[in-house]
Protein backbone atom coordinates (compact mmCIF):
# COMPACT_ATOMS: atom_id res chain seq x y z
CA MET A 1 -39.36 90.64 45.77
CA LYS A 2 -42.36 91.09 43.53
CA ARG A 3 -45.29 91.96 45.80
CA VAL A 4 -48.65 90.22 45.50
CA SER A 5 -51.88 92.10 46.18
CA LYS A 6 -52.97 91.83 49.83
CA PRO A 7 -56.48 90.44 49.16
CA VAL A 8 -54.98 87.48 47.25
CA PHE A 9 -54.36 85.60 50.50
CA PHE A 10 -58.03 85.73 51.50
CA ILE A 11 -59.25 84.92 47.98
CA VAL A 12 -57.01 81.85 47.69
CA ALA A 13 -57.79 80.73 51.27
CA ILE A 14 -61.55 81.00 50.70
CA LEU A 15 -61.27 79.07 47.44
CA ILE A 16 -59.30 76.31 49.18
CA LEU A 17 -61.83 76.07 52.02
CA ALA A 18 -64.75 76.01 49.55
CA LEU A 19 -63.06 73.32 47.45
CA SER A 20 -62.26 71.29 50.58
CA TYR A 21 -65.84 71.38 51.86
CA THR A 22 -67.48 70.52 48.53
CA ALA A 23 -64.88 67.86 47.62
CA ILE A 24 -65.33 66.08 50.96
CA PHE A 25 -69.08 66.39 51.49
CA GLY A 26 -70.29 67.03 47.94
CA VAL A 27 -73.36 69.09 47.08
CA HIS A 28 -76.77 67.44 47.01
CA THR A 29 -80.36 68.59 46.60
CA GLN A 30 -83.46 66.83 47.82
CA ASN A 31 -86.82 66.94 46.06
CA GLY A 32 -89.17 64.64 47.93
CA ASP A 33 -87.69 61.15 47.78
CA ILE A 34 -85.39 62.04 44.91
CA LYS A 35 -81.85 62.99 45.85
CA THR A 36 -79.86 64.77 43.16
CA THR A 37 -76.07 64.95 43.26
CA VAL A 38 -74.87 68.35 42.04
CA ILE A 39 -71.20 67.90 43.01
CA LYS A 40 -69.72 64.53 43.96
CA GLY A 41 -67.92 64.07 47.26
CA ILE A 42 -66.15 61.26 49.11
CA SER A 43 -69.42 59.32 49.44
CA ASP A 44 -69.54 59.05 45.63
CA ILE A 45 -66.17 57.32 45.31
CA ARG A 46 -66.33 53.76 44.05
CA TRP A 47 -64.42 51.68 46.61
CA GLY A 48 -62.45 48.60 45.56
CA ILE A 49 -63.20 44.98 46.35
CA ASP A 50 -60.69 44.99 49.22
CA ILE A 51 -62.63 47.75 50.98
CA LYS A 52 -66.29 47.34 50.04
CA GLY A 53 -66.55 43.92 48.42
CA GLY A 54 -68.15 43.27 45.08
CA VAL A 55 -69.45 40.70 42.64
CA GLU A 56 -68.10 37.53 41.06
CA ALA A 57 -69.88 36.39 37.91
CA THR A 58 -69.37 33.66 35.34
CA PHE A 59 -70.78 34.32 31.86
CA LYS A 60 -71.40 31.86 29.03
CA PRO A 61 -72.61 32.28 25.45
CA ALA A 62 -76.37 32.15 24.93
CA GLU A 63 -77.85 28.72 24.25
CA GLY A 64 -77.06 27.48 20.76
CA VAL A 65 -73.95 29.66 20.34
CA ASN A 66 -70.63 27.85 19.97
CA ALA A 67 -68.18 30.67 20.62
CA THR A 68 -64.67 30.56 19.21
CA GLU A 69 -61.60 31.71 21.13
CA ASP A 70 -61.54 34.91 19.06
CA GLN A 71 -65.18 35.63 19.95
CA LEU A 72 -64.51 35.01 23.63
CA ASP A 73 -61.53 37.35 23.43
CA ALA A 74 -63.72 39.98 21.73
CA ALA A 75 -66.39 39.66 24.43
CA LYS A 76 -63.69 39.85 27.12
CA ALA A 77 -62.21 42.98 25.49
CA ILE A 78 -65.60 44.72 25.38
CA ILE A 79 -66.30 43.87 29.05
CA GLU A 80 -62.84 45.24 29.89
CA SER A 81 -63.57 48.38 27.86
CA ARG A 82 -66.77 48.92 29.84
CA MET A 83 -64.81 48.49 33.07
CA VAL A 84 -62.21 51.04 32.01
CA SER A 85 -64.82 53.52 30.72
CA GLY A 86 -66.41 53.44 34.18
CA ASN A 87 -62.97 53.94 35.80
CA ILE A 88 -63.22 50.52 37.45
CA THR A 89 -59.58 49.50 37.84
CA ASP A 90 -59.92 46.99 40.67
CA TYR A 91 -61.19 44.03 38.67
CA GLU A 92 -60.20 40.53 37.59
CA LEU A 93 -61.17 39.20 34.16
CA TYR A 94 -60.43 35.76 32.70
CA ALA A 95 -61.49 33.74 29.64
CA ASP A 96 -61.87 29.94 30.05
CA TYR A 97 -61.68 28.74 26.44
CA SER A 98 -62.16 25.03 27.14
CA ASN A 99 -65.48 25.60 28.92
CA GLN A 100 -66.50 28.75 26.98
CA ARG A 101 -66.74 30.87 30.08
CA ILE A 102 -65.78 34.44 31.02
CA ILE A 103 -65.12 35.04 34.72
CA VAL A 104 -65.13 38.55 36.15
CA ARG A 105 -64.79 40.06 39.62
CA PHE A 106 -65.47 43.76 40.18
CA PRO A 107 -66.39 46.09 43.08
CA TRP A 108 -69.83 47.37 43.98
CA LYS A 109 -71.00 50.59 42.40
CA GLU A 110 -70.60 53.68 44.61
CA THR A 111 -74.39 54.20 44.73
CA GLU A 112 -75.14 50.54 45.47
CA THR A 113 -77.10 50.10 48.69
CA ASN A 114 -78.91 46.77 48.34
CA TYR A 115 -75.86 44.85 47.09
CA ASP A 116 -77.80 42.80 44.54
CA PRO A 117 -75.27 40.79 42.46
CA LYS A 118 -77.77 40.13 39.65
CA GLU A 119 -78.46 43.83 39.21
CA ALA A 120 -74.76 44.71 39.42
CA ILE A 121 -73.67 42.37 36.60
CA ASN A 122 -76.08 44.05 34.18
CA GLU A 123 -73.70 47.00 34.31
CA ILE A 124 -71.08 45.15 32.28
CA SER A 125 -72.89 42.27 30.52
CA SER A 126 -75.71 44.07 28.69
CA THR A 127 -75.72 43.70 24.88
CA ALA A 128 -76.36 47.38 24.21
CA SER A 129 -77.73 48.12 20.73
CA LEU A 130 -77.83 51.57 19.17
CA THR A 131 -80.67 52.17 16.70
CA PHE A 132 -82.12 55.09 14.73
CA ARG A 133 -85.93 55.04 14.45
CA PRO A 134 -88.67 57.25 12.93
CA GLY A 135 -90.75 59.29 15.36
CA ASN A 136 -90.40 59.44 19.11
CA SER A 137 -93.31 57.50 20.56
CA TYR A 138 -92.75 55.35 23.63
CA ALA A 139 -94.76 53.13 25.96
CA ASN A 140 -93.30 53.80 29.38
CA THR A 141 -91.70 56.64 31.34
CA ASP A 142 -89.30 56.08 34.20
CA VAL A 143 -87.18 58.38 36.39
CA ASP A 144 -83.41 58.07 36.77
CA THR A 145 -81.42 58.63 39.97
CA ASN A 146 -81.18 62.36 39.23
CA GLY A 147 -84.93 62.77 38.80
CA ASN A 148 -84.80 63.11 35.01
CA PRO A 149 -87.43 61.35 32.85
CA VAL A 150 -86.37 58.22 30.95
CA TYR A 151 -88.48 57.22 27.94
CA LYS A 152 -88.66 53.48 27.33
CA THR A 153 -90.02 50.93 24.83
CA PRO A 154 -90.60 52.22 21.27
CA THR A 155 -94.15 51.97 19.91
CA GLY A 156 -95.90 52.51 16.56
CA ASP A 157 -93.65 53.65 13.70
CA THR A 158 -90.80 53.97 16.20
CA GLN A 159 -90.53 50.17 16.21
CA THR A 160 -89.05 50.43 12.70
CA VAL A 161 -85.24 50.44 12.67
CA LEU A 162 -83.76 52.78 10.06
CA MET A 163 -80.13 52.16 10.95
CA ASP A 164 -78.21 50.43 13.71
CA GLY A 165 -74.92 51.05 15.45
CA SER A 166 -72.94 48.86 13.04
CA ASN A 167 -72.90 51.81 10.62
CA VAL A 168 -71.15 54.03 13.16
CA GLU A 169 -67.39 54.10 12.62
CA SER A 170 -66.53 56.22 15.66
CA ALA A 171 -68.14 58.35 18.35
CA LYS A 172 -66.53 61.21 20.26
CA ALA A 173 -67.84 63.56 22.93
CA GLY A 174 -67.61 67.21 21.94
CA VAL A 175 -69.03 70.69 22.46
CA ASP A 176 -71.38 72.35 19.99
CA GLN A 177 -70.98 76.14 20.01
CA SER A 178 -73.01 76.87 16.87
CA SER A 179 -76.05 78.06 18.83
CA GLY A 180 -73.99 80.52 20.89
CA ALA A 181 -74.20 78.34 24.01
CA ASN A 182 -71.93 75.41 24.80
CA LYS A 183 -73.85 72.14 24.47
CA TYR A 184 -72.33 68.73 24.94
CA VAL A 185 -72.87 66.43 21.97
CA VAL A 186 -71.60 63.15 20.55
CA ASP A 187 -70.00 63.51 17.12
CA LEU A 188 -70.50 60.46 14.90
CA THR A 189 -68.51 59.34 11.88
CA LEU A 190 -70.56 56.92 9.76
CA LYS A 191 -69.20 54.07 7.66
CA ASN A 192 -71.85 54.31 4.93
CA ALA A 193 -72.63 57.96 4.29
CA ASP A 194 -75.24 57.09 1.63
CA THR A 195 -77.38 55.19 4.13
CA PHE A 196 -77.59 58.16 6.45
CA LYS A 197 -78.08 60.54 3.52
CA ASN A 198 -81.15 58.55 2.42
CA ILE A 199 -82.54 58.66 5.96
CA THR A 200 -82.09 62.43 6.26
CA GLU A 201 -83.62 62.98 2.82
CA GLU A 202 -86.70 60.93 3.67
CA TYR A 203 -87.17 62.36 7.16
CA ASN A 204 -86.05 65.95 6.54
CA GLY A 205 -88.17 68.12 8.85
CA LYS A 206 -89.29 65.06 10.82
CA THR A 207 -88.16 63.40 14.03
CA VAL A 208 -85.64 60.56 14.04
CA SER A 209 -85.12 59.20 17.55
CA ILE A 210 -81.94 57.54 18.79
CA TRP A 211 -82.26 54.54 21.10
CA MET A 212 -79.89 52.48 23.21
CA ASP A 213 -81.66 49.16 23.67
CA ASP A 214 -85.22 50.20 24.60
CA ILE A 215 -84.27 53.58 26.08
CA MET A 216 -84.62 56.74 23.99
CA LEU A 217 -81.45 58.81 24.20
CA SER A 218 -82.51 61.71 22.02
CA ALA A 219 -85.22 62.69 19.53
CA PRO A 220 -83.81 65.39 17.26
CA THR A 221 -85.58 66.85 14.27
CA VAL A 222 -83.74 66.41 10.98
CA ASN A 223 -83.23 69.91 9.61
CA ALA A 224 -80.83 69.21 6.76
CA VAL A 225 -79.71 66.46 4.43
CA ILE A 226 -76.41 65.04 5.73
CA ALA A 227 -74.34 63.64 2.88
CA ASP A 228 -70.79 63.63 4.28
CA GLY A 229 -71.25 60.92 6.90
CA LYS A 230 -70.71 63.34 9.78
CA ALA A 231 -73.55 63.56 12.31
CA GLN A 232 -74.22 64.53 15.90
CA ILE A 233 -76.27 63.07 18.71
CA SER A 234 -77.52 66.07 20.64
CA GLY A 235 -79.74 66.54 23.64
CA SER A 236 -79.60 67.69 27.23
CA PHE A 237 -76.32 65.88 27.87
CA THR A 238 -73.89 66.64 30.64
CA ALA A 239 -70.19 66.27 29.87
CA LYS A 240 -70.13 62.91 31.63
CA GLU A 241 -73.26 61.64 29.85
CA ALA A 242 -71.82 62.57 26.45
CA THR A 243 -68.51 60.88 27.29
CA ASP A 244 -70.24 57.73 28.61
CA LEU A 245 -72.47 57.49 25.54
CA ALA A 246 -69.53 57.86 23.15
CA THR A 247 -67.63 55.16 25.03
CA LYS A 248 -70.59 52.78 24.92
CA ILE A 249 -71.10 53.32 21.18
CA ASN A 250 -67.40 52.75 20.48
CA ALA A 251 -67.40 49.58 22.56
CA GLY A 252 -70.23 48.26 20.41
CA ALA A 253 -72.43 45.28 21.04
CA LEU A 254 -71.08 41.98 22.30
CA PRO A 255 -70.38 39.41 19.55
CA PHE A 256 -72.99 37.14 21.14
CA ALA A 257 -75.53 37.39 23.93
CA LEU A 258 -74.16 36.52 27.37
CA GLU A 259 -75.98 34.44 29.92
CA THR A 260 -75.05 34.40 33.58
CA ALA A 261 -73.96 30.91 34.52
CA SER A 262 -73.38 31.80 38.17
CA TYR A 263 -72.86 34.82 40.38
CA SER A 264 -72.19 35.66 44.01
CA ALA A 265 -71.27 38.53 46.30
CA ILE A 266 -67.66 38.88 47.47
CA SER A 267 -66.90 39.91 51.02
CA PRO A 268 -64.32 42.69 51.44
CA THR A 269 -60.86 41.65 52.61
CA LEU A 270 -60.45 44.91 54.53
CA GLY A 271 -63.99 46.02 55.34
CA GLU A 272 -65.70 49.37 55.82
CA SER A 273 -64.98 49.30 59.56
CA SER A 274 -61.28 49.25 58.75
CA LEU A 275 -61.84 52.12 56.32
CA LEU A 276 -63.44 54.11 59.12
CA ALA A 277 -60.47 53.35 61.36
CA MET A 278 -58.13 54.56 58.60
CA ALA A 279 -60.18 57.76 58.30
CA TYR A 280 -59.81 58.42 62.04
CA ALA A 281 -56.07 57.68 61.81
CA GLY A 282 -55.80 60.12 58.91
CA ILE A 283 -57.59 62.86 60.85
CA ILE A 284 -55.32 62.34 63.87
CA ALA A 285 -52.23 62.41 61.62
CA LEU A 286 -53.45 65.63 59.97
CA ILE A 287 -53.95 67.24 63.39
CA LEU A 288 -50.44 66.23 64.50
CA ILE A 289 -48.91 67.56 61.26
CA THR A 290 -50.84 70.80 61.71
CA LEU A 291 -49.54 71.26 65.25
CA PHE A 292 -45.98 70.52 64.16
CA LEU A 293 -46.11 73.01 61.26
CA LEU A 294 -47.68 75.74 63.41
CA ILE A 295 -45.21 75.30 66.27
CA ALA A 296 -42.08 74.88 64.14
CA TYR A 297 -42.75 77.37 61.34
CA ARG A 298 -45.48 79.72 62.66
CA LEU A 299 -47.01 81.78 59.83
CA PRO A 300 -45.46 79.79 56.93
CA GLY A 301 -46.63 76.70 58.81
CA PHE A 302 -50.21 78.01 58.91
CA ILE A 303 -50.10 78.64 55.15
CA ALA A 304 -48.60 75.15 54.68
CA VAL A 305 -51.61 73.67 56.50
CA LEU A 306 -53.99 75.49 54.15
CA SER A 307 -52.07 74.29 51.09
CA LEU A 308 -52.06 70.68 52.38
CA LEU A 309 -55.82 70.90 52.88
CA GLY A 310 -56.16 72.19 49.32
CA GLN A 311 -53.91 69.41 48.01
CA LEU A 312 -56.00 66.76 49.77
CA ALA A 313 -59.24 68.30 48.47
CA LEU A 314 -57.95 68.51 44.89
CA SER A 315 -56.74 64.89 45.03
CA VAL A 316 -60.09 63.67 46.36
CA ALA A 317 -61.91 65.74 43.71
CA SER A 318 -59.85 64.03 40.99
CA ILE A 319 -60.92 60.63 42.32
CA SER A 320 -64.58 61.14 43.28
CA GLY A 321 -65.86 62.50 39.95
CA TYR A 322 -66.06 66.07 41.28
CA PHE A 323 -65.07 67.36 37.85
CA PRO A 324 -67.70 66.43 35.20
CA LEU A 325 -65.15 65.27 32.61
CA PHE A 326 -63.57 62.74 35.02
CA ALA A 327 -65.65 59.82 36.27
CA SER A 328 -65.35 58.41 39.78
CA PHE A 329 -62.16 56.37 40.12
CA THR A 330 -62.06 53.03 41.92
CA MET A 331 -60.26 53.62 45.22
CA THR A 332 -58.39 50.59 46.57
CA LEU A 333 -56.07 50.14 49.54
CA PRO A 334 -52.95 50.71 47.36
CA GLY A 335 -54.73 53.79 45.98
CA ILE A 336 -55.09 55.16 49.50
CA ALA A 337 -51.38 54.45 50.04
CA GLY A 338 -50.56 56.52 46.93
CA LEU A 339 -52.68 59.37 48.24
CA ILE A 340 -51.01 59.28 51.66
CA LEU A 341 -47.54 59.22 50.06
CA SER A 342 -48.37 62.29 47.94
CA ILE A 343 -49.64 64.15 51.03
CA GLY A 344 -46.34 63.34 52.74
CA MET A 345 -44.48 64.80 49.78
CA GLY A 346 -46.70 67.90 50.01
CA ALA A 347 -45.79 68.35 53.67
CA ASP A 348 -42.13 67.88 52.81
CA ALA A 349 -42.32 70.54 50.07
CA ASN A 350 -43.80 73.08 52.47
CA ILE A 351 -41.26 72.24 55.17
CA ILE A 352 -38.35 72.74 52.74
CA THR A 353 -39.68 76.20 51.77
CA SER A 354 -40.42 77.22 55.37
CA GLU A 355 -36.99 76.04 56.52
CA ARG A 356 -35.21 78.03 53.78
CA ILE A 357 -37.15 81.18 54.69
CA ARG A 358 -36.30 80.74 58.37
CA GLU A 359 -32.61 80.33 57.55
CA GLU A 360 -32.58 83.51 55.47
CA VAL A 361 -34.38 85.47 58.22
CA ARG A 362 -31.88 84.29 60.84
CA ASN A 363 -29.01 85.22 58.51
CA GLY A 364 -30.15 88.83 58.69
CA ARG A 365 -31.95 89.30 55.40
CA THR A 366 -34.94 91.60 55.14
CA LEU A 367 -38.30 89.86 55.30
CA ASP A 368 -39.04 90.38 51.61
CA GLY A 369 -35.54 89.22 50.70
CA ALA A 370 -35.85 86.13 52.93
CA ILE A 371 -39.19 85.13 51.36
CA ASP A 372 -37.84 85.70 47.84
CA LYS A 373 -34.58 83.84 48.45
CA GLY A 374 -36.25 81.05 50.42
CA THR A 375 -38.95 80.30 47.85
CA LYS A 376 -36.51 80.43 44.93
CA GLY A 377 -33.90 78.37 46.74
CA SER A 378 -36.35 75.60 47.58
CA PHE A 379 -38.08 75.40 44.20
CA TRP A 380 -35.64 73.19 42.34
CA ALA A 381 -35.27 70.75 45.23
CA ILE A 382 -39.05 70.35 45.31
CA PHE A 383 -39.29 70.26 41.52
CA ASP A 384 -36.68 67.51 41.09
CA GLY A 385 -38.25 65.28 43.73
CA ASN A 386 -41.79 65.70 42.42
CA VAL A 387 -40.91 65.26 38.74
CA THR A 388 -39.11 62.01 39.59
CA VAL A 389 -42.23 60.70 41.31
CA ILE A 390 -44.44 61.87 38.42
CA ILE A 391 -42.27 59.90 35.98
CA VAL A 392 -42.56 56.79 38.18
CA ALA A 393 -46.35 57.24 38.47
CA ILE A 394 -46.74 57.58 34.69
CA ILE A 395 -44.64 54.44 34.15
CA LEU A 396 -46.91 52.57 36.59
CA LEU A 397 -49.99 53.76 34.69
CA LEU A 398 -48.55 52.78 31.31
CA VAL A 399 -47.00 49.47 32.31
CA PHE A 400 -49.68 48.27 34.71
CA GLY A 401 -52.67 49.73 32.87
CA PRO A 402 -55.72 47.62 32.04
CA SER A 403 -54.30 46.36 28.70
CA ASN A 404 -50.58 45.63 28.37
CA ILE A 405 -48.15 42.78 28.00
CA LEU A 406 -47.47 42.58 31.75
CA SER A 407 -51.13 41.77 32.42
CA MET A 408 -50.32 38.28 31.14
CA ILE A 409 -47.49 37.97 33.67
CA PHE A 410 -48.93 39.54 36.82
CA GLY A 411 -52.63 39.02 36.24
CA PRO A 412 -55.55 41.49 36.12
CA SER A 413 -55.87 41.82 39.89
CA THR A 414 -52.26 42.92 40.33
CA THR A 415 -52.34 45.33 37.40
CA GLY A 416 -55.51 46.93 38.70
CA THR A 417 -54.16 47.57 42.19
CA ILE A 418 -50.83 48.95 40.95
CA TYR A 419 -52.65 51.12 38.40
CA SER A 420 -54.77 52.54 41.23
CA PHE A 421 -51.62 53.32 43.23
CA GLY A 422 -50.02 55.06 40.25
CA TYR A 423 -53.13 57.14 39.53
CA THR A 424 -53.60 58.49 43.07
CA LEU A 425 -49.86 59.13 43.38
CA LEU A 426 -49.88 61.10 40.12
CA VAL A 427 -52.92 63.28 40.94
CA GLY A 428 -51.55 63.83 44.46
CA VAL A 429 -48.18 65.08 43.23
CA ILE A 430 -49.78 67.31 40.59
CA SER A 431 -52.04 68.70 43.33
CA ASN A 432 -48.92 69.34 45.39
CA PHE A 433 -47.49 71.47 42.56
CA ILE A 434 -50.71 73.46 42.33
CA MET A 435 -51.23 73.97 46.05
CA GLY A 436 -47.88 73.44 47.78
CA VAL A 437 -45.79 75.30 45.21
CA GLY A 438 -48.29 77.67 43.59
CA ALA A 439 -51.05 78.62 46.04
CA SER A 440 -48.90 78.57 49.20
CA ARG A 441 -46.34 80.98 47.71
CA LEU A 442 -49.04 83.32 46.49
CA MET A 443 -50.56 83.40 49.99
CA LEU A 444 -47.17 83.87 51.62
CA ARG A 445 -46.20 86.82 49.43
CA SER A 446 -49.65 88.33 49.85
CA ILE A 447 -49.94 88.09 53.64
CA SER A 448 -46.42 89.49 54.12
CA GLY A 449 -47.74 92.79 52.78
CA TYR A 450 -49.75 93.40 55.96
CA LYS A 451 -47.83 95.40 58.54
CA LEU A 452 -49.15 93.25 61.37
CA MET A 453 -47.67 90.15 59.69
CA ARG A 454 -44.19 91.57 59.03
CA ASN A 455 -42.77 90.57 62.41
CA LYS A 456 -39.76 88.34 61.63
CA TRP A 457 -40.62 86.11 64.59
CA LEU A 458 -43.67 84.91 62.64
CA PHE A 459 -41.29 83.63 59.96
CA GLY A 460 -38.87 81.89 62.31
CA GLY A 461 -36.73 84.81 63.44
CA ALA A 462 -35.79 85.64 67.02
CA ARG A 463 -38.44 87.35 69.18
CA LYS A 464 -37.62 91.02 69.80
C-alpha cells in the first residue's frame, strides 16, 4: 500500500472542521449598526415558499400601453431570467393574455426581516436601464447592506446620456489580470462600435460614468480610444457583483413599464417551526449514525463521521452562497429531501469501505494490505451507485429546469421543486465523492502510519 504522510490526517481533519464551522455559522463582522457578511452560512440560504412563505404579485402594463402576447411573453421571460439569475427556483409565473396580466409567486429574500411585499416585488419588476454618462457627479449617497457607499441620482453634465444599454450586445463576468492583480470585471461586446469609438475619442482622459437606473456602478477614466467594440466595466467588484451585473445587463430592460395591480404575502405551508423540528431531527439522526459507525467500525467509523461532516458542510456551502461564484440557492422541502438522500448515500459509501476493510483484516491480511484491498474493492461499487444518481440528478436539472417543454405540462411550481431536489442531490453526491471517497481514504491511510493506531482491533479485527 502506498503510504500517506502522517500529518495529512490532521491537516484534512482541521480543514473539514473549519469548513463545517464556517459553512454552518458563516463569518460576519460588525461595525456599529452595520453587519457585514464575509462568508455566508445557513442563515443566508433563501428558503422556499413552503418553508418561509413569500409574495404573490399581479403585474399589468403601465397606463396607456396595450401589450401584445409577444410583449407579455418577453416581459415574462425577463422576470424568469431575473429569478434564475438570483437562483430562485421555487417560483410560479403565469401570463394572462386576455387580461394583460403577469402573475408571479416567489419566496422571501434570505435577508428579509420586515416581510414587506411591496419592497420584495421591486426585486423582479424594476425596469433597469443601463446608461453611460459624462462625469461622475451625484446628488445623494447611501450605504448598502455591506456598508459600502452607493452614489445615487446624476446631476449636472452627468444627466446627459451618451449611450444606453440597447447598444450592448452581450455582457460577461471575467477577470482582468493586466494590472498584475486579479480584478473582477464585466466584459462588454457592443453592437455599434462606432458609437462607442466616438464617445472614447471625445472623452479620452475624462471620466465616463456607468449607471444602472439612478445608481452609479462605476466611474472609470477613458484612457484610450476603443474602436473594436470591446469594452470593460471595471470597479471594486466582487465575483458575485460582476456576475449579477452581467446577468442584469443581458436580461435588458422590460419591453414596457410594469405596474403592480395587486400583491399580498403568502403564508408558508410548512413553517419555520417545522423547519426547526426538522433541524432537531437531523441532529438526532446524525448522533445516532455517529454512534453506530463508532461502535460497528471503530477507527474507520470515526473517519467516516468526519467525512460525513465534511460532505454536509460542502453541500450546505454549495447552497448558501459560501463560494463567491455561486449565489444562494432556494432551499425547498424537496431540496432538503435531496440533501438527506445524498447524506444517506455518503454513509453507505463509508460503510461499504469499512466493511471491506474489516473482512480483509479478519481474513488474516496485514493491516496495510487490508486497507489497500478494502478501499480498492469498494471503490467501483461506490462509483457505480453514485454515477447512476448523478445521471438522474442531471436529467432532473435539464428536464425540470426553469425553461423547458415540460414546464407547459407540469407547471412552474412543479418544475421548481423538482429542480431544487435535483440540484441538492447532485451537489450532495459530488460532495460524497470528494469527502467520502477522497478525504476519508487519505485520512485512513495517513492515520494507519501511527504505531498506536495499528492495532487490528481498531479496524474490526479480534481483540488480542
